[in-house]
């Protein structure tokens, strides 16, 4: 695991604040629910982040937390190092060896070295707002992919079922000015055209 659970919670919470971009403080309860973090743990995390100057807090009714700086002026690395300390992947071996260098390396040393250099450069340059935008794009892509899997016929059937439910709900409500109730219609009821007026000389 690259980051501690506490650091993961802190990143999710601050990325949510950057995404929301609220003009005022946001309740801890809302941040916890939106970011999927435990409420009690998040309250302690945000208190610690306030001490590091990453968020500001407001007490009393309408209080909560907001970013100390705009989301495009705060980088992921700042949050990571505020929680977990200095981020030094080069001191750890992916296979758990006590010593892993270019001269005494493990089987995955070169792969791990390339990854950690790229990852460090990314989190050092990516802002909270950029991370929020990336998350939003991912959600939209997932939603669009799910919609593409739904046949058009199923969507039409869903719309028809919803329309039938609304009509039946209205049918259970007495007509205004009378005690009569409308007759509920079945989901399979088809539209019946009005009968044509009888023409003289035509067979009935």
C-alpha atoms as a PDB file:
ATOM      1  CA  UNK A   1       0.000   0.000   0.000  1.00  0.00           C
ATOM      2  CA  UNK A   2       1.513   3.301  -1.084  1.00  0.00           C
ATOM      3  CA  UNK A   3      -0.465   5.474   1.354  1.00  0.00           C
ATOM      4  CA  UNK A   4      -1.965   4.865   4.761  1.00  0.00           C
ATOM      5  CA  UNK A   5      -5.759   4.577   5.156  1.00  0.00           C
ATOM      6  CA  UNK A   6      -5.716   7.949   6.925  1.00  0.00           C
ATOM      7  CA  UNK A   7      -3.975   9.516   3.943  1.00  0.00           C
ATOM      8  CA  UNK A   8      -6.456   7.922   1.550  1.00  0.00           C
ATOM      9  CA  UNK A   9      -9.358   9.371   3.549  1.00  0.00           C
ATOM     10  CA  UNK A  10      -7.719  12.795   3.583  1.00  0.00           C
ATOM     11  CA  UNK A  11      -7.196  12.753  -0.182  1.00  0.00           C
ATOM     12  CA  UNK A  12     -10.794  11.726  -0.887  1.00  0.00           C
ATOM     13  CA  UNK A  13     -12.153  14.396   1.449  1.00  0.00           C
ATOM     14  CA  UNK A  14     -10.089  17.237   0.011  1.00  0.00           C
ATOM     15  CA  UNK A  15     -10.727  16.168  -3.577  1.00  0.00           C
ATOM     16  CA  UNK A  16     -14.448  16.329  -2.757  1.00  0.00           C
ATOM     17  CA  UNK A  17     -14.052  19.849  -1.352  1.00  0.00           C
ATOM     18  CA  UNK A  18     -12.223  20.859  -4.524  1.00  0.00           C
ATOM     19  CA  UNK A  19     -14.968  19.323  -6.651  1.00  0.00           C
ATOM     20  CA  UNK A  20     -17.780  20.963  -4.703  1.00  0.00           C
ATOM     21  CA  UNK A  21     -16.013  24.339  -4.687  1.00  0.00           C
ATOM     22  CA  UNK A  22     -18.546  25.700  -2.209  1.00  0.00           C
ATOM     23  CA  UNK A  23     -18.447  29.400  -1.291  1.00  0.00           C
ATOM     24  CA  UNK A  24     -18.742  28.528   2.407  1.00  0.00           C
ATOM     25  CA  UNK A  25     -17.835  25.723   4.823  1.00  0.00           C
ATOM     26  CA  UNK A  26     -19.096  22.182   4.235  1.00  0.00           C
ATOM     27  CA  UNK A  27     -20.364  19.952   7.039  1.00  0.00           C
ATOM     28  CA  UNK A  28     -18.127  17.062   8.067  1.00  0.00           C
ATOM     29  CA  UNK A  29     -21.135  14.772   7.732  1.00  0.00           C
ATOM     30  CA  UNK A  30     -21.571  15.718   4.083  1.00  0.00           C
ATOM     31  CA  UNK A  31     -17.865  15.320   3.311  1.00  0.00           C
ATOM     32  CA  UNK A  32     -17.812  11.894   4.981  1.00  0.00           C
ATOM     33  CA  UNK A  33     -20.879  10.699   3.116  1.00  0.00           C
ATOM     34  CA  UNK A  34     -19.725  11.986  -0.269  1.00  0.00           C
ATOM     35  CA  UNK A  35     -16.154  10.710   0.061  1.00  0.00           C
ATOM     36  CA  UNK A  36     -17.006   7.384   1.699  1.00  0.00           C
ATOM     37  CA  UNK A  37     -14.971   7.981   4.843  1.00  0.00           C
ATOM     38  CA  UNK A  38     -15.904   7.263   8.494  1.00  0.00           C
ATOM     39  CA  UNK A  39     -17.374  10.389  10.086  1.00  0.00           C
ATOM     40  CA  UNK A  40     -15.480  10.218  13.381  1.00  0.00           C
ATOM     41  CA  UNK A  41     -12.149   9.466  11.731  1.00  0.00           C
ATOM     42  CA  UNK A  42     -12.648  12.234   9.179  1.00  0.00           C
ATOM     43  CA  UNK A  43     -13.298  14.815  11.887  1.00  0.00           C
ATOM     44  CA  UNK A  44      -9.877  14.060  13.399  1.00  0.00           C
ATOM     45  CA  UNK A  45      -8.214  14.041   9.987  1.00  0.00           C
ATOM     46  CA  UNK A  46      -9.652  17.422   9.029  1.00  0.00           C
ATOM     47  CA  UNK A  47      -8.588  18.847  12.396  1.00  0.00           C
ATOM     48  CA  UNK A  48      -5.027  17.701  11.660  1.00  0.00           C
ATOM     49  CA  UNK A  49      -5.144  19.111   8.130  1.00  0.00           C
ATOM     50  CA  UNK A  50      -6.259  22.437   9.580  1.00  0.00           C
ATOM     51  CA  UNK A  51      -3.130  22.472  11.741  1.00  0.00           C
ATOM     52  CA  UNK A  52      -1.096  21.973   8.561  1.00  0.00           C
ATOM     53  CA  UNK A  53      -2.834  24.943   6.929  1.00  0.00           C
ATOM     54  CA  UNK A  54      -4.620  22.905   4.251  1.00  0.00           C
ATOM     55  CA  UNK A  55      -8.197  23.558   5.389  1.00  0.00           C
ATOM     56  CA  UNK A  56     -10.060  26.174   7.393  1.00  0.00           C
ATOM     57  CA  UNK A  57     -12.799  25.471   9.879  1.00  0.00           C
ATOM     58  CA  UNK A  58     -15.850  27.394  10.999  1.00  0.00           C
ATOM     59  CA  UNK A  59     -17.631  26.583  14.246  1.00  0.00           C
ATOM     60  CA  UNK A  60     -21.285  26.962  15.130  1.00  0.00           C
ATOM     61  CA  UNK A  61     -24.421  26.669  13.000  1.00  0.00           C
ATOM     62  CA  UNK A  62     -23.533  26.486   9.333  1.00  0.00           C
ATOM     63  CA  UNK A  63     -19.966  25.632  10.224  1.00  0.00           C
ATOM     64  CA  UNK A  64     -17.682  23.055   8.693  1.00  0.00           C
ATOM     65  CA  UNK A  65     -14.540  22.917   6.586  1.00  0.00           C
ATOM     66  CA  UNK A  66     -13.317  24.377   3.338  1.00  0.00           C
ATOM     67  CA  UNK A  67      -9.988  24.419   1.539  1.00  0.00           C
ATOM     68  CA  UNK A  68      -7.488  26.970   2.807  1.00  0.00           C
ATOM     69  CA  UNK A  69      -6.507  27.726  -0.795  1.00  0.00           C
ATOM     70  CA  UNK A  70      -8.226  27.214  -4.148  1.00  0.00           C
ATOM     71  CA  UNK A  71      -8.172  23.652  -5.391  1.00  0.00           C
ATOM     72  CA  UNK A  72      -5.965  24.585  -8.341  1.00  0.00           C
ATOM     73  CA  UNK A  73      -3.329  25.945  -5.948  1.00  0.00           C
ATOM     74  CA  UNK A  74      -2.968  22.824  -3.798  1.00  0.00           C
ATOM     75  CA  UNK A  75      -1.190  19.656  -4.927  1.00  0.00           C
ATOM     76  CA  UNK A  76      -1.797  16.050  -3.956  1.00  0.00           C
ATOM     77  CA  UNK A  77       1.732  15.702  -2.629  1.00  0.00           C
ATOM     78  CA  UNK A  78       1.064  18.410  -0.033  1.00  0.00           C
ATOM     79  CA  UNK A  79      -1.818  16.400   1.391  1.00  0.00           C
ATOM     80  CA  UNK A  80       0.114  13.120   1.323  1.00  0.00           C
ATOM     81  CA  UNK A  81       3.137  14.515   3.129  1.00  0.00           C
ATOM     82  CA  UNK A  82       0.967  16.365   5.666  1.00  0.00           C
ATOM     83  CA  UNK A  83      -0.528  13.025   6.722  1.00  0.00           C
ATOM     84  CA  UNK A  84       2.136  10.395   6.056  1.00  0.00           C
ATOM     85  CA  UNK A  85       5.287  12.477   6.210  1.00  0.00           C
ATOM     86  CA  UNK A  86       7.913  12.795   3.515  1.00  0.00           C
ATOM     87  CA  UNK A  87       7.042  10.598   0.544  1.00  0.00           C
ATOM     88  CA  UNK A  88      10.127   8.532  -0.312  1.00  0.00           C
ATOM     89  CA  UNK A  89       9.306   5.516  -2.426  1.00  0.00           C
ATOM     90  CA  UNK A  90      12.958   5.081  -3.350  1.00  0.00           C
ATOM     91  CA  UNK A  91      13.663   3.764   0.155  1.00  0.00           C
ATOM     92  CA  UNK A  92      11.257   0.846  -0.169  1.00  0.00           C
ATOM     93  CA  UNK A  93      11.605  -2.383  -2.139  1.00  0.00           C
ATOM     94  CA  UNK A  94       8.530  -3.691  -3.916  1.00  0.00           C
ATOM     95  CA  UNK A  95       9.526  -7.231  -2.895  1.00  0.00           C
ATOM     96  CA  UNK A  96      10.337  -6.278   0.692  1.00  0.00           C
ATOM     97  CA  UNK A  97      14.135  -6.545   0.640  1.00  0.00           C
ATOM     98  CA  UNK A  98      16.054  -4.562   3.238  1.00  0.00           C
ATOM     99  CA  UNK A  99      18.299  -3.108   0.542  1.00  0.00           C
ATOM    100  CA  UNK A 100      17.324  -2.513  -3.076  1.00  0.00           C
ATOM    101  CA  UNK A 101      19.497  -0.269  -5.231  1.00  0.00           C
ATOM    102  CA  UNK A 102      20.738  -0.124  -8.806  1.00  0.00           C
ATOM    103  CA  UNK A 103      23.781  -2.140  -7.705  1.00  0.00           C
ATOM    104  CA  UNK A 104      21.958  -4.620  -5.448  1.00  0.00           C
ATOM    105  CA  UNK A 105      18.476  -4.869  -6.836  1.00  0.00           C
ATOM    106  CA  UNK A 106      15.539  -7.245  -6.748  1.00  0.00           C
ATOM    107  CA  UNK A 107      13.935  -8.823  -9.808  1.00  0.00           C
ATOM    108  CA  UNK A 108      11.418  -5.953 -10.133  1.00  0.00           C
ATOM    109  CA  UNK A 109      13.746  -3.089  -9.256  1.00  0.00           C
ATOM    110  CA  UNK A 110      13.794  -1.459 -12.705  1.00  0.00           C
ATOM    111  CA  UNK A 111      10.013  -1.718 -13.098  1.00  0.00           C
ATOM    112  CA  UNK A 112       9.431  -0.328  -9.598  1.00  0.00           C
ATOM    113  CA  UNK A 113      11.934   2.486 -10.129  1.00  0.00           C
ATOM    114  CA  UNK A 114      10.225   3.614 -13.344  1.00  0.00           C
ATOM    115  CA  UNK A 115       6.786   3.495 -11.716  1.00  0.00           C
ATOM    116  CA  UNK A 116       7.731   5.413  -8.568  1.00  0.00           C
ATOM    117  CA  UNK A 117       9.467   8.170 -10.562  1.00  0.00           C
ATOM    118  CA  UNK A 118       6.425   8.662 -12.776  1.00  0.00           C
ATOM    119  CA  UNK A 119       4.005   8.459  -9.860  1.00  0.00           C
ATOM    120  CA  UNK A 120       5.944  10.954  -7.775  1.00  0.00           C
ATOM    121  CA  UNK A 121       6.095  13.399 -10.681  1.00  0.00           C
ATOM    122  CA  UNK A 122       2.337  13.043 -11.176  1.00  0.00           C
ATOM    123  CA  UNK A 123       1.251  13.643  -7.581  1.00  0.00           C
ATOM    124  CA  UNK A 124       3.738  16.505  -7.275  1.00  0.00           C
ATOM    125  CA  UNK A 125       2.211  18.291 -10.263  1.00  0.00           C
ATOM    126  CA  UNK A 126      -1.483  17.307 -10.028  1.00  0.00           C
ATOM    127  CA  UNK A 127      -3.722  19.738  -8.146  1.00  0.00           C
ATOM    128  CA  UNK A 128      -6.811  18.856  -6.152  1.00  0.00           C
ATOM    129  CA  UNK A 129      -8.989  20.461  -8.811  1.00  0.00           C
ATOM    130  CA  UNK A 130      -7.358  18.408 -11.553  1.00  0.00           C
ATOM    131  CA  UNK A 131      -7.967  15.275  -9.509  1.00  0.00           C
ATOM    132  CA  UNK A 132     -11.610  16.300  -9.036  1.00  0.00           C
ATOM    133  CA  UNK A 133     -12.019  16.848 -12.785  1.00  0.00           C
ATOM    134  CA  UNK A 134     -10.442  13.452 -13.500  1.00  0.00           C
ATOM    135  CA  UNK A 135     -12.855  11.816 -11.069  1.00  0.00           C
ATOM    136  CA  UNK A 136     -15.826  13.578 -12.680  1.00  0.00           C
ATOM    137  CA  UNK A 137     -14.755  12.440 -16.155  1.00  0.00           C
ATOM    138  CA  UNK A 138     -14.454   8.890 -14.876  1.00  0.00           C
ATOM    139  CA  UNK A 139     -17.965   8.975 -13.432  1.00  0.00           C
ATOM    140  CA  UNK A 140     -19.398  10.315 -16.688  1.00  0.00           C
ATOM    141  CA  UNK A 141     -17.586   7.617 -18.682  1.00  0.00           C
ATOM    142  CA  UNK A 142     -18.947   4.887 -16.392  1.00  0.00           C
ATOM    143  CA  UNK A 143     -22.475   6.294 -16.632  1.00  0.00           C
ATOM    144  CA  UNK A 144     -22.305   6.499 -20.424  1.00  0.00           C
ATOM    145  CA  UNK A 145     -20.985   2.948 -20.622  1.00  0.00           C
ATOM    146  CA  UNK A 146     -23.876   1.703 -18.502  1.00  0.00           C
ATOM    147  CA  UNK A 147     -26.405   3.584 -20.618  1.00  0.00           C
ATOM    148  CA  UNK A 148     -24.954   2.059 -23.774  1.00  0.00           C
ATOM    149  CA  UNK A 149     -25.655  -1.393 -22.376  1.00  0.00           C
ATOM    150  CA  UNK A 150     -29.376  -0.696 -21.911  1.00  0.00           C
ATOM    151  CA  UNK A 151     -31.473  -1.682 -24.954  1.00  0.00           C
ATOM    152  CA  UNK A 152     -33.766   1.076 -26.190  1.00  0.00           C
ATOM    153  CA  UNK A 153     -36.725  -1.273 -25.783  1.00  0.00           C
ATOM    154  CA  UNK A 154     -35.993  -1.648 -22.076  1.00  0.00           C
ATOM    155  CA  UNK A 155     -35.881   2.127 -21.666  1.00  0.00           C
ATOM    156  CA  UNK A 156     -39.254   2.426 -23.394  1.00  0.00           C
ATOM    157  CA  UNK A 157     -40.713  -0.290 -21.177  1.00  0.00           C
ATOM    158  CA  UNK A 158     -39.391   1.499 -18.100  1.00  0.00           C
ATOM    159  CA  UNK A 159     -40.978   4.758 -19.260  1.00  0.00           C
ATOM    160  CA  UNK A 160     -44.277   2.965 -19.898  1.00  0.00           C
ATOM    161  CA  UNK A 161     -44.236   1.374 -16.439  1.00  0.00           C
ATOM    162  CA  UNK A 162     -43.560   4.745 -14.831  1.00  0.00           C
ATOM    163  CA  UNK A 163     -46.391   6.327 -16.815  1.00  0.00           C
ATOM    164  CA  UNK A 164     -48.785   3.552 -15.794  1.00  0.00           C
ATOM    165  CA  UNK A 165     -47.860   3.967 -12.139  1.00  0.00           C
ATOM    166  CA  UNK A 166     -48.585   7.693 -12.287  1.00  0.00           C
ATOM    167  CA  UNK A 167     -51.953   7.106 -13.969  1.00  0.00           C
ATOM    168  CA  UNK A 168     -52.933   4.503 -11.384  1.00  0.00           C
ATOM    169  CA  UNK A 169     -51.949   6.853  -8.563  1.00  0.00           C
ATOM    170  CA  UNK A 170     -54.214   9.508 -10.034  1.00  0.00           C
ATOM    171  CA  UNK A 171     -56.976   6.930 -10.361  1.00  0.00           C
ATOM    172  CA  UNK A 172     -56.904   6.315  -6.619  1.00  0.00           C
ATOM    173  CA  UNK A 173     -57.524  10.022  -5.975  1.00  0.00           C
ATOM    174  CA  UNK A 174     -61.209  11.074  -6.041  1.00  0.00           C
ATOM    175  CA  UNK A 175     -62.129  13.454  -8.840  1.00  0.00           C
ATOM    176  CA  UNK A 176     -62.501  17.005  -7.625  1.00  0.00           C
ATOM    177  CA  UNK A 177     -66.091  17.790  -6.761  1.00  0.00           C
ATOM    178  CA  UNK A 178     -67.255  14.146  -6.747  1.00  0.00           C
ATOM    179  CA  UNK A 179     -66.756  10.975  -4.826  1.00  0.00           C
ATOM    180  CA  UNK A 180     -66.003   8.955  -7.950  1.00  0.00           C
ATOM    181  CA  UNK A 181     -62.587   7.485  -8.597  1.00  0.00           C
ATOM    182  CA  UNK A 182     -60.919   7.123 -11.925  1.00  0.00           C
ATOM    183  CA  UNK A 183     -60.504   3.612 -13.230  1.00  0.00           C
ATOM    184  CA  UNK A 184     -56.861   2.405 -13.076  1.00  0.00           C
ATOM    185  CA  UNK A 185     -55.489   1.252 -16.386  1.00  0.00           C
ATOM    186  CA  UNK A 186     -53.380  -1.797 -17.028  1.00  0.00           C
ATOM    187  CA  UNK A 187     -49.809  -1.498 -18.265  1.00  0.00           C
ATOM    188  CA  UNK A 188     -50.917  -3.524 -21.276  1.00  0.00           C
ATOM    189  CA  UNK A 189     -53.916  -1.348 -22.100  1.00  0.00           C
ATOM    190  CA  UNK A 190     -53.669  -0.172 -25.665  1.00  0.00           C
ATOM    191  CA  UNK A 191     -55.045   3.039 -27.075  1.00  0.00           C
ATOM    192  CA  UNK A 192     -58.511   2.473 -28.506  1.00  0.00           C
ATOM    193  CA  UNK A 193     -59.558   4.776 -31.363  1.00  0.00           C
ATOM    194  CA  UNK A 194     -62.937   6.489 -31.089  1.00  0.00           C
ATOM    195  CA  UNK A 195     -65.752   4.660 -32.888  1.00  0.00           C
ATOM    196  CA  UNK A 196     -66.819   6.105 -36.232  1.00  0.00           C
ATOM    197  CA  UNK A 197     -70.324   7.586 -36.448  1.00  0.00           C
ATOM    198  CA  UNK A 198     -72.899   5.381 -38.190  1.00  0.00           C
ATOM    199  CA  UNK A 199     -73.407   6.237 -41.834  1.00  0.00           C
ATOM    200  CA  UNK A 200     -76.881   5.801 -43.380  1.00  0.00           C
ATOM    201  CA  UNK A 201     -77.081   2.654 -45.459  1.00  0.00           C
ATOM    202  CA  UNK A 202     -74.039   1.020 -43.846  1.00  0.00           C
ATOM    203  CA  UNK A 203     -74.270  -2.301 -42.050  1.00  0.00           C
ATOM    204  CA  UNK A 204     -74.122  -2.182 -38.306  1.00  0.00           C
END
